[in-house]
Every structure is written in C-alpha cells, then in structure tokens.
Amino acid sequence: MMRSVHKRFRELRPDLVPRQMTEGEASTVRVPRDCIEKMPELRENPFRRRICEAFSRDGQGDLSFEDFLDALSVFSEQAPRDIKVFYAFKIYDFDEDGFIGRNDLLACLTTMTRNELSPEEHQQIADKVMEEADVDGDGKLSFLEFEHVILRAPDFLSTFHIRI
C-alpha cells in the first residue's frame, strides 16, 4: 500500500519526488497544489483547492508526502466518521476562522453549484441552513453545530471519500 501511494505521489512530479524518500524528505519535499489538483481523483471535485489547502501544513495547498498520506487516509472508506467530519469542517471553513459563517456557506454553494444558481438562491439556501443548524443563534456554525448536521446526513460517509 505505502509503495503504491508513494508511486502515485512521485508520478505527480517525478522531477521533485525522489524514488527513495528519506524520513526527512517525506515532510519537506512538496508537490505544488496545481499538480495535485490535476489528479484524476480530484480533477472534477469542486473542492479540490480547499482539500489541498486543508491538508497542507502551511495552508497554501502544496503537499508533502506526509500531507498526501493524511489526505488519502481521511478520504478512505475506512476512515472514522469523526475524522471525516473534522476535515469536512476545515474544508468548508473558507475564511479559516474556526466557524462556518454565512460567507463560508455562500462560498461552498458557489463552489458546489458552479454558478448554476443565482446569488438570491444562494442567499436563500444559506439562510435556511443557518436557520436550521445555528442552534445558539450567533450567526455562525461551531464545529459541534456542524457535526450535528453532518451526523444526520445519511450520504455523508459515502460521498466523503476518494478511491486511489
């Protein structure tokens, strides 16, 4: 398994990733985000940029082998639900303030619908989500509020995965 994952990582940029990586290189050699976004498994995912940013240590989206491994394990079908929820929250928290606010929801909707809905429709959906999920009424979703919503979504586990 580890060998095949390394092979996939190396294929992204064979000029950067050595055939045999030392332990130090596993955390320092980074493949640029634009190369990772072109992987067949991510290419069509509207959240590919946010996925890369969420798993990169510096938040810029370039991934080390360790970051790449983390991403693949979180998106595997065997990953525990709580780990998936944690990273889903991180991906949807566009402004990285530790909450999912109205602007984060609007960014998610724009990303998901690829501008197929009007700004008014985005606003209506964001308002409805806040109305139903913002239990404490502070205008933003905490991790616990988000987790509560996600745990009620029956298809979350089946859609939050990437097969390599």
C-alpha atoms as a PDB file:
ATOM      1  CA  MET A   1       0.000   0.000   0.000  1.00  0.00           C
ATOM      2  CA  MET A   2       2.647   2.531   1.067  1.00  0.00           C
ATOM      3  CA  ARG A   3       4.701   1.771  -2.026  1.00  0.00           C
ATOM      4  CA  SER A   4       1.743   2.347  -4.360  1.00  0.00           C
ATOM      5  CA  VAL A   5       0.882   5.627  -2.604  1.00  0.00           C
ATOM      6  CA  HIS A   6       4.498   6.776  -2.958  1.00  0.00           C
ATOM      7  CA  LYS A   7       4.393   5.792  -6.626  1.00  0.00           C
ATOM      8  CA  ARG A   8       1.245   7.920  -7.147  1.00  0.00           C
ATOM      9  CA  PHE A   9       2.838  10.838  -5.294  1.00  0.00           C
ATOM     10  CA  ARG A  10       6.037  10.552  -7.338  1.00  0.00           C
ATOM     11  CA  GLU A  11       4.089  10.396 -10.623  1.00  0.00           C
ATOM     12  CA  LEU A  12       2.720  13.865  -9.875  1.00  0.00           C
ATOM     13  CA  ARG A  13       6.199  15.406 -10.126  1.00  0.00           C
ATOM     14  CA  PRO A  14       8.976  12.851 -10.765  1.00  0.00           C
ATOM     15  CA  ASP A  15      11.465  15.714 -11.087  1.00  0.00           C
ATOM     16  CA  LEU A  16      10.782  16.717  -7.440  1.00  0.00           C
ATOM     17  CA  VAL A  17       9.996  13.457  -5.658  1.00  0.00           C
ATOM     18  CA  PRO A  18      12.931  11.050  -5.241  1.00  0.00           C
ATOM     19  CA  ARG A  19      12.492   7.320  -5.941  1.00  0.00           C
ATOM     20  CA  GLN A  20      13.544   6.532  -2.392  1.00  0.00           C
ATOM     21  CA  MET A  21      12.470   9.092   0.183  1.00  0.00           C
ATOM     22  CA  THR A  22      14.192   9.567   3.486  1.00  0.00           C
ATOM     23  CA  GLU A  23      12.078  10.244   6.543  1.00  0.00           C
ATOM     24  CA  GLY A  24      13.047  13.926   6.376  1.00  0.00           C
ATOM     25  CA  GLU A  25      12.098  14.198   2.708  1.00  0.00           C
ATOM     26  CA  ALA A  26       8.641  12.776   3.423  1.00  0.00           C
ATOM     27  CA  SER A  27       7.801  16.001   5.254  1.00  0.00           C
ATOM     28  CA  THR A  28       9.884  18.503   3.268  1.00  0.00           C
ATOM     29  CA  VAL A  29       9.564  17.576  -0.430  1.00  0.00           C
ATOM     30  CA  ARG A  30       6.369  19.264  -1.598  1.00  0.00           C
ATOM     31  CA  VAL A  31       4.357  18.786  -4.769  1.00  0.00           C
ATOM     32  CA  PRO A  32       2.669  22.016  -5.931  1.00  0.00           C
ATOM     33  CA  ARG A  33      -1.084  22.262  -5.462  1.00  0.00           C
ATOM     34  CA  ASP A  34      -1.775  22.673  -9.181  1.00  0.00           C
ATOM     35  CA  CYS A  35      -0.213  19.240  -9.851  1.00  0.00           C
ATOM     36  CA  ILE A  36      -2.265  17.592  -7.112  1.00  0.00           C
ATOM     37  CA  GLU A  37      -5.468  19.217  -8.359  1.00  0.00           C
ATOM     38  CA  LYS A  38      -4.901  17.523 -11.740  1.00  0.00           C
ATOM     39  CA  MET A  39      -5.076  14.017 -10.258  1.00  0.00           C
ATOM     40  CA  PRO A  40      -7.998  12.151 -11.870  1.00  0.00           C
ATOM     41  CA  GLU A  41      -9.492  11.580  -8.394  1.00  0.00           C
ATOM     42  CA  LEU A  42      -9.582  15.332  -7.687  1.00  0.00           C
ATOM     43  CA  ARG A  43      -9.793  16.945 -11.098  1.00  0.00           C
ATOM     44  CA  GLU A  44     -13.615  17.047 -11.127  1.00  0.00           C
ATOM     45  CA  ASN A  45     -14.020  17.763  -7.404  1.00  0.00           C
ATOM     46  CA  PRO A  46     -15.150  21.381  -6.991  1.00  0.00           C
ATOM     47  CA  PHE A  47     -13.431  21.486  -3.576  1.00  0.00           C
ATOM     48  CA  ARG A  48     -10.008  20.323  -4.870  1.00  0.00           C
ATOM     49  CA  ARG A  49      -8.323  23.625  -3.972  1.00  0.00           C
ATOM     50  CA  ARG A  50      -9.783  23.659  -0.435  1.00  0.00           C
ATOM     51  CA  ILE A  51      -8.877  19.977   0.027  1.00  0.00           C
ATOM     52  CA  CYS A  52      -5.246  20.735  -0.813  1.00  0.00           C
ATOM     53  CA  GLU A  53      -5.219  23.803   1.439  1.00  0.00           C
ATOM     54  CA  ALA A  54      -6.805  21.891   4.338  1.00  0.00           C
ATOM     55  CA  PHE A  55      -4.197  19.121   4.207  1.00  0.00           C
ATOM     56  CA  SER A  56      -1.095  21.227   3.566  1.00  0.00           C
ATOM     57  CA  ARG A  57       0.815  22.182   6.691  1.00  0.00           C
ATOM     58  CA  ASP A  58       1.183  25.824   5.624  1.00  0.00           C
ATOM     59  CA  GLY A  59      -2.358  26.146   4.259  1.00  0.00           C
ATOM     60  CA  GLN A  60      -1.125  27.038   0.766  1.00  0.00           C
ATOM     61  CA  GLY A  61      -2.028  23.705  -0.815  1.00  0.00           C
ATOM     62  CA  ASP A  62       1.384  22.276  -1.724  1.00  0.00           C
ATOM     63  CA  LEU A  63       1.524  18.782  -0.213  1.00  0.00           C
ATOM     64  CA  SER A  64       4.387  16.812   1.261  1.00  0.00           C
ATOM     65  CA  PHE A  65       4.220  13.019   1.118  1.00  0.00           C
ATOM     66  CA  GLU A  66       3.012  13.024   4.745  1.00  0.00           C
ATOM     67  CA  ASP A  67       0.246  15.523   3.851  1.00  0.00           C
ATOM     68  CA  PHE A  68      -0.691  13.384   0.834  1.00  0.00           C
ATOM     69  CA  LEU A  69      -0.896  10.280   3.048  1.00  0.00           C
ATOM     70  CA  ASP A  70      -3.057  12.146   5.570  1.00  0.00           C
ATOM     71  CA  ALA A  71      -5.458  13.215   2.824  1.00  0.00           C
ATOM     72  CA  LEU A  72      -5.738   9.740   1.354  1.00  0.00           C
ATOM     73  CA  SER A  73      -6.340   8.168   4.756  1.00  0.00           C
ATOM     74  CA  VAL A  74      -9.058  10.696   5.675  1.00  0.00           C
ATOM     75  CA  PHE A  75     -10.776  10.166   2.334  1.00  0.00           C
ATOM     76  CA  SER A  76     -10.513   6.367   2.510  1.00  0.00           C
ATOM     77  CA  GLU A  77     -13.712   4.462   3.107  1.00  0.00           C
ATOM     78  CA  GLN A  78     -12.250   3.042   6.338  1.00  0.00           C
ATOM     79  CA  ALA A  79     -11.577   6.435   7.978  1.00  0.00           C
ATOM     80  CA  PRO A  80     -13.617   7.068  11.132  1.00  0.00           C
ATOM     81  CA  ARG A  81     -16.587   9.385  10.748  1.00  0.00           C
ATOM     82  CA  ASP A  82     -15.299  11.883  13.347  1.00  0.00           C
ATOM     83  CA  ILE A  83     -12.061  12.380  11.383  1.00  0.00           C
ATOM     84  CA  LYS A  84     -14.050  12.920   8.184  1.00  0.00           C
ATOM     85  CA  VAL A  85     -16.297  15.452   9.934  1.00  0.00           C
ATOM     86  CA  PHE A  86     -13.253  17.324  11.287  1.00  0.00           C
ATOM     87  CA  TYR A  87     -11.740  17.685   7.809  1.00  0.00           C
ATOM     88  CA  ALA A  88     -15.071  18.497   6.162  1.00  0.00           C
ATOM     89  CA  PHE A  89     -15.417  21.368   8.637  1.00  0.00           C
ATOM     90  CA  LYS A  90     -11.874  22.509   7.845  1.00  0.00           C
ATOM     91  CA  ILE A  91     -12.570  22.376   4.089  1.00  0.00           C
ATOM     92  CA  TYR A  92     -15.857  24.308   4.363  1.00  0.00           C
ATOM     93  CA  ASP A  93     -14.382  26.939   6.714  1.00  0.00           C
ATOM     94  CA  PHE A  94     -13.130  29.054   3.791  1.00  0.00           C
ATOM     95  CA  ASP A  95     -12.021  32.012   5.926  1.00  0.00           C
ATOM     96  CA  GLU A  96     -10.392  29.672   8.469  1.00  0.00           C
ATOM     97  CA  ASP A  97     -11.843  31.452  11.493  1.00  0.00           C
ATOM     98  CA  GLY A  98     -12.933  28.257  13.262  1.00  0.00           C
ATOM     99  CA  PHE A  99     -16.608  28.715  12.338  1.00  0.00           C
ATOM    100  CA  ILE A 100     -18.733  28.254   9.259  1.00  0.00           C
ATOM    101  CA  GLY A 101     -20.381  31.598   8.735  1.00  0.00           C
ATOM    102  CA  ARG A 102     -22.714  32.932   6.075  1.00  0.00           C
ATOM    103  CA  ASN A 103     -19.785  33.843   3.773  1.00  0.00           C
ATOM    104  CA  ASP A 104     -18.368  30.312   4.121  1.00  0.00           C
ATOM    105  CA  LEU A 105     -21.774  28.873   3.203  1.00  0.00           C
ATOM    106  CA  LEU A 106     -22.027  31.174   0.200  1.00  0.00           C
ATOM    107  CA  ALA A 107     -18.514  30.159  -0.909  1.00  0.00           C
ATOM    108  CA  CYS A 108     -19.479  26.470  -0.512  1.00  0.00           C
ATOM    109  CA  LEU A 109     -22.646  26.964  -2.542  1.00  0.00           C
ATOM    110  CA  THR A 110     -20.802  28.815  -5.294  1.00  0.00           C
ATOM    111  CA  THR A 111     -18.161  26.080  -5.371  1.00  0.00           C
ATOM    112  CA  MET A 112     -20.716  23.254  -5.443  1.00  0.00           C
ATOM    113  CA  THR A 113     -23.141  24.726  -7.951  1.00  0.00           C
ATOM    114  CA  ARG A 114     -20.526  26.314 -10.224  1.00  0.00           C
ATOM    115  CA  ASN A 115     -22.722  29.397 -10.590  1.00  0.00           C
ATOM    116  CA  GLU A 116     -25.783  27.433 -11.727  1.00  0.00           C
ATOM    117  CA  LEU A 117     -27.862  29.232  -9.089  1.00  0.00           C
ATOM    118  CA  SER A 118     -28.478  32.948  -8.740  1.00  0.00           C
ATOM    119  CA  PRO A 119     -26.986  34.962  -5.853  1.00  0.00           C
ATOM    120  CA  GLU A 120     -30.526  35.213  -4.448  1.00  0.00           C
ATOM    121  CA  GLU A 121     -30.895  31.419  -4.468  1.00  0.00           C
ATOM    122  CA  HIS A 122     -27.505  31.071  -2.746  1.00  0.00           C
ATOM    123  CA  GLN A 123     -28.659  33.546  -0.100  1.00  0.00           C
ATOM    124  CA  GLN A 124     -31.948  31.675   0.445  1.00  0.00           C
ATOM    125  CA  ILE A 125     -30.122  28.362   0.896  1.00  0.00           C
ATOM    126  CA  ALA A 126     -27.544  29.912   3.265  1.00  0.00           C
ATOM    127  CA  ASP A 127     -30.366  31.489   5.297  1.00  0.00           C
ATOM    128  CA  LYS A 128     -32.194  28.142   5.514  1.00  0.00           C
ATOM    129  CA  VAL A 129     -29.029  26.304   6.612  1.00  0.00           C
ATOM    130  CA  MET A 130     -28.382  28.900   9.315  1.00  0.00           C
ATOM    131  CA  GLU A 131     -31.994  28.802  10.439  1.00  0.00           C
ATOM    132  CA  GLU A 132     -31.875  25.020  10.867  1.00  0.00           C
ATOM    133  CA  ALA A 133     -28.309  24.483  12.076  1.00  0.00           C
ATOM    134  CA  ASP A 134     -27.341  27.566  14.109  1.00  0.00           C
ATOM    135  CA  VAL A 135     -28.639  26.292  17.441  1.00  0.00           C
ATOM    136  CA  ASP A 136     -27.210  29.098  19.594  1.00  0.00           C
ATOM    137  CA  GLY A 137     -28.298  31.848  17.172  1.00  0.00           C
ATOM    138  CA  ASP A 138     -24.889  33.517  16.858  1.00  0.00           C
ATOM    139  CA  GLY A 139     -24.986  33.659  13.052  1.00  0.00           C
ATOM    140  CA  LYS A 140     -22.322  31.023  12.503  1.00  0.00           C
ATOM    141  CA  LEU A 141     -21.885  27.288  12.893  1.00  0.00           C
ATOM    142  CA  SER A 142     -19.494  25.989  15.507  1.00  0.00           C
ATOM    143  CA  PHE A 143     -17.831  22.639  14.964  1.00  0.00           C
ATOM    144  CA  LEU A 144     -20.415  20.998  17.252  1.00  0.00           C
ATOM    145  CA  GLU A 145     -23.339  22.527  15.335  1.00  0.00           C
ATOM    146  CA  PHE A 146     -21.767  21.439  12.040  1.00  0.00           C
ATOM    147  CA  GLU A 147     -21.125  17.938  13.385  1.00  0.00           C
ATOM    148  CA  HIS A 148     -24.754  17.670  14.496  1.00  0.00           C
ATOM    149  CA  VAL A 149     -25.949  18.479  10.960  1.00  0.00           C
ATOM    150  CA  ILE A 150     -23.444  16.163   9.263  1.00  0.00           C
ATOM    151  CA  LEU A 151     -24.255  13.223  11.510  1.00  0.00           C
ATOM    152  CA  ARG A 152     -27.878  13.480  10.347  1.00  0.00           C
ATOM    153  CA  ALA A 153     -26.837  13.409   6.666  1.00  0.00           C
ATOM    154  CA  PRO A 154     -27.158   9.763   5.598  1.00  0.00           C
ATOM    155  CA  ASP A 155     -24.977  10.078   2.498  1.00  0.00           C
ATOM    156  CA  PHE A 156     -22.068  11.958   4.100  1.00  0.00           C
ATOM    157  CA  LEU A 157     -19.837   8.920   4.643  1.00  0.00           C
ATOM    158  CA  SER A 158     -20.472   7.504   1.193  1.00  0.00           C
ATOM    159  CA  THR A 159     -19.652  10.779  -0.570  1.00  0.00           C
ATOM    160  CA  PHE A 160     -16.685  11.944   1.509  1.00  0.00           C
ATOM    161  CA  HIS A 161     -14.102   9.623   0.011  1.00  0.00           C
ATOM    162  CA  ILE A 162     -11.573   9.298  -2.776  1.00  0.00           C
ATOM    163  CA  ARG A 163     -10.581   5.954  -4.275  1.00  0.00           C
ATOM    164  CA  ILE A 164      -6.982   5.569  -5.397  1.00  0.00           C
END
